[in-house]
């Protein structure tokens, strides 16, 4: 009864919805980590409380994506 009933999608193309966006997710995490490290280094070297507090915000964003 179910022969030839594939809806036009091959088994090789049938990946999960999250699997299609995994590369973009890791790029976003990497950019967030670069931003975090840069803000911490510059914030500590210039004693900028604004940069240090923003780096904590970026850290929570990165933590939420992983």
Protein backbone atom coordinates (compact mmCIF):
# COMPACT_ATOMS: atom_id res chain seq x y z
CA UNK A 1 0.00 0.00 0.00
CA UNK A 2 2.82 2.45 0.74
CA UNK A 3 4.97 1.79 -2.31
CA UNK A 4 6.04 4.91 -4.18
CA UNK A 5 4.66 7.21 -1.52
CA UNK A 6 7.68 9.44 -0.81
CA UNK A 7 6.32 12.98 -1.33
CA UNK A 8 9.26 13.74 -3.64
CA UNK A 9 11.89 13.83 -0.88
CA UNK A 10 14.75 11.38 -1.03
CA UNK A 11 15.98 9.86 2.25
CA UNK A 12 19.31 11.66 1.76
CA UNK A 13 17.57 15.05 1.66
CA UNK A 14 15.28 14.36 4.61
CA UNK A 15 17.26 16.10 7.36
CA UNK A 16 15.80 17.72 10.41
CA UNK A 17 14.88 21.39 10.36
CA UNK A 18 17.52 22.18 12.98
CA UNK A 19 20.18 20.30 11.03
CA UNK A 20 19.74 22.65 8.10
CA UNK A 21 20.69 25.67 10.23
CA UNK A 22 23.44 24.13 12.35
CA UNK A 23 26.29 25.78 10.42
CA UNK A 24 24.72 29.23 10.81
CA UNK A 25 24.23 28.59 14.52
CA UNK A 26 27.91 27.81 15.04
CA UNK A 27 28.92 30.89 13.03
CA UNK A 28 26.72 33.02 15.32
CA UNK A 29 28.24 31.39 18.41
CA UNK A 30 31.78 31.98 17.10
CA UNK A 31 31.06 35.64 16.34
CA UNK A 32 29.54 36.06 19.79
CA UNK A 33 32.61 34.54 21.44
CA UNK A 34 34.95 36.79 19.45
CA UNK A 35 32.88 39.80 20.50
CA UNK A 36 32.88 38.63 24.13
CA UNK A 37 36.65 38.14 24.29
CA UNK A 38 37.33 41.45 22.56
CA UNK A 39 35.05 43.34 24.94
CA UNK A 40 36.59 41.71 28.02
CA UNK A 41 40.16 42.45 26.90
CA UNK A 42 39.44 46.06 25.93
CA UNK A 43 37.18 46.58 28.95
CA UNK A 44 39.87 45.41 31.35
CA UNK A 45 42.66 47.34 29.65
CA UNK A 46 40.66 50.60 29.66
CA UNK A 47 38.80 49.97 32.95
CA UNK A 48 35.51 50.42 31.11
CA UNK A 49 32.58 49.20 33.17
CA UNK A 50 30.29 49.68 30.16
CA UNK A 51 32.30 47.24 28.03
CA UNK A 52 32.58 44.73 30.85
CA UNK A 53 28.86 44.78 31.53
CA UNK A 54 28.10 44.48 27.81
CA UNK A 55 30.49 41.53 27.58
CA UNK A 56 28.44 39.82 30.30
CA UNK A 57 25.34 40.43 28.20
CA UNK A 58 27.04 38.97 25.12
CA UNK A 59 28.12 35.97 27.21
CA UNK A 60 24.53 35.23 28.21
CA UNK A 61 23.49 35.55 24.55
CA UNK A 62 26.14 33.01 23.52
CA UNK A 63 25.21 30.73 26.40
CA UNK A 64 21.59 30.83 25.28
CA UNK A 65 22.48 29.81 21.72
CA UNK A 66 24.40 26.70 22.69
